[in-house]
Protein backbone atom coordinates (compact mmCIF):
# COMPACT_ATOMS: atom_id res chain seq x y z
CA MET A 1 92.62 83.81 26.29
CA PHE A 2 94.49 86.11 23.24
CA GLU A 3 93.13 83.83 20.28
CA TRP A 4 89.37 84.38 21.12
CA PHE A 5 89.97 88.14 21.77
CA SER A 6 91.34 88.94 18.94
CA LYS A 7 87.94 87.03 17.11
CA LEU A 8 86.61 90.33 18.58
CA PHE A 9 89.26 92.41 16.12
CA VAL A 10 90.29 90.94 13.67
CA ARG A 11 87.80 90.41 10.39
CA GLU A 12 87.46 88.13 8.28
CA LYS A 13 88.78 88.38 4.68
CA TRP A 14 86.50 87.55 1.82
CA GLU A 15 86.82 87.30 -2.25
CA THR A 16 84.43 87.04 -4.80
CA VAL A 17 84.62 84.57 -6.45
CA TYR A 18 81.40 85.41 -9.23
CA PHE A 19 80.61 89.03 -10.65
CA THR A 20 78.11 87.74 -13.06
CA GLN A 21 75.44 90.68 -14.74
CA LYS A 22 72.74 87.24 -15.19
CA VAL A 23 70.93 86.79 -11.74
CA ASP A 24 70.12 82.93 -12.50
CA ASP A 25 73.44 82.53 -13.05
CA TYR A 26 73.83 84.41 -9.74
CA ALA A 27 71.35 81.86 -8.00
CA MET A 28 72.63 79.11 -9.42
CA ILE A 29 76.29 79.83 -8.31
CA LYS A 30 75.26 81.20 -5.10
CA GLN A 31 73.19 77.42 -4.58
CA ARG A 32 75.80 75.12 -6.00
CA LEU A 33 78.24 77.14 -2.63
CA ALA A 34 74.93 76.39 -0.10
CA ASP A 35 74.44 72.73 -1.21
CA ASN A 36 78.13 72.54 -0.76
CA HIS A 37 78.06 74.08 2.68
CA ILE A 38 80.69 76.82 2.37
CA ALA A 39 78.78 81.09 3.70
CA VAL A 40 78.34 82.85 1.32
CA LYS A 41 77.97 87.04 1.51
CA THR A 42 76.83 89.08 -1.53
CA LYS A 43 76.85 92.37 -2.91
CA PHE A 44 74.01 93.96 -5.61
CA THR A 45 74.85 96.91 -7.26
CA ASN A 46 72.33 98.57 -10.11
CA SER A 47 74.60 101.60 -12.24
CA ASP A 48 71.38 103.04 -12.80
CA ALA A 49 70.78 104.07 -9.07
CA ARG A 50 71.79 107.21 -8.81
CA ASP A 51 71.89 109.40 -4.90
CA LEU A 52 68.16 112.60 -5.72
CA GLY A 53 68.34 114.16 -1.83
CA GLY A 54 68.63 111.01 -0.34
CA ARG A 55 65.68 109.40 -2.46
CA THR A 56 67.07 106.45 -5.09
CA ARG A 57 65.52 106.51 -8.65
CA GLY A 58 63.61 103.64 -9.58
CA THR A 59 65.06 100.45 -11.57
CA THR A 60 64.54 97.12 -12.88
CA PHE A 61 65.49 94.41 -12.12
CA GLY A 62 67.80 92.43 -14.06
CA THR A 63 69.06 95.09 -16.32
CA ALA A 64 71.87 94.92 -17.34
CA SER A 65 73.25 98.33 -15.18
CA ASP A 66 72.85 95.16 -12.62
CA TYR A 67 76.09 93.71 -11.24
CA TYR A 68 75.74 90.47 -9.33
CA GLU A 69 78.62 89.68 -6.70
CA ILE A 70 79.36 86.27 -4.63
CA LEU A 71 82.02 86.26 -2.54
CA VAL A 72 83.49 83.79 0.23
CA LYS A 73 85.58 82.99 3.15
CA ALA A 74 89.27 83.66 1.64
CA GLU A 75 89.77 79.42 3.31
CA ASN A 76 87.55 79.06 0.97
CA VAL A 77 88.52 80.39 -2.18
CA HIS A 78 90.30 77.18 -3.46
CA GLU A 79 87.43 75.15 -2.61
CA ALA A 80 84.92 77.86 -3.88
CA ASN A 81 86.51 78.19 -7.66
CA HIS A 82 86.67 74.38 -7.72
CA ILE A 83 82.73 73.87 -6.66
CA ILE A 84 82.28 76.75 -9.47
CA HIS A 85 83.90 75.96 -12.30
CA HIS A 86 84.39 72.06 -12.42
CA ARG A 87 80.65 70.60 -11.17
């Protein structure tokens, strides 16, 4: 019972395994992990976007200020790194 209850309130820990500015590399690595049944979360950051009274300034994707981050569950970090760097 405790295990079931703890799963409701304990957040899974996710760790970054890949970080890039190249959208092609990001897509390739994300697909490679998916093909190997590794659950991923992704983050996208555009450092050009600024808050302008609740609005963001229009930007173009794929610019030098775009950052793509891929995260996996903590228990999958070793396997994900092997998939990323050795295949």
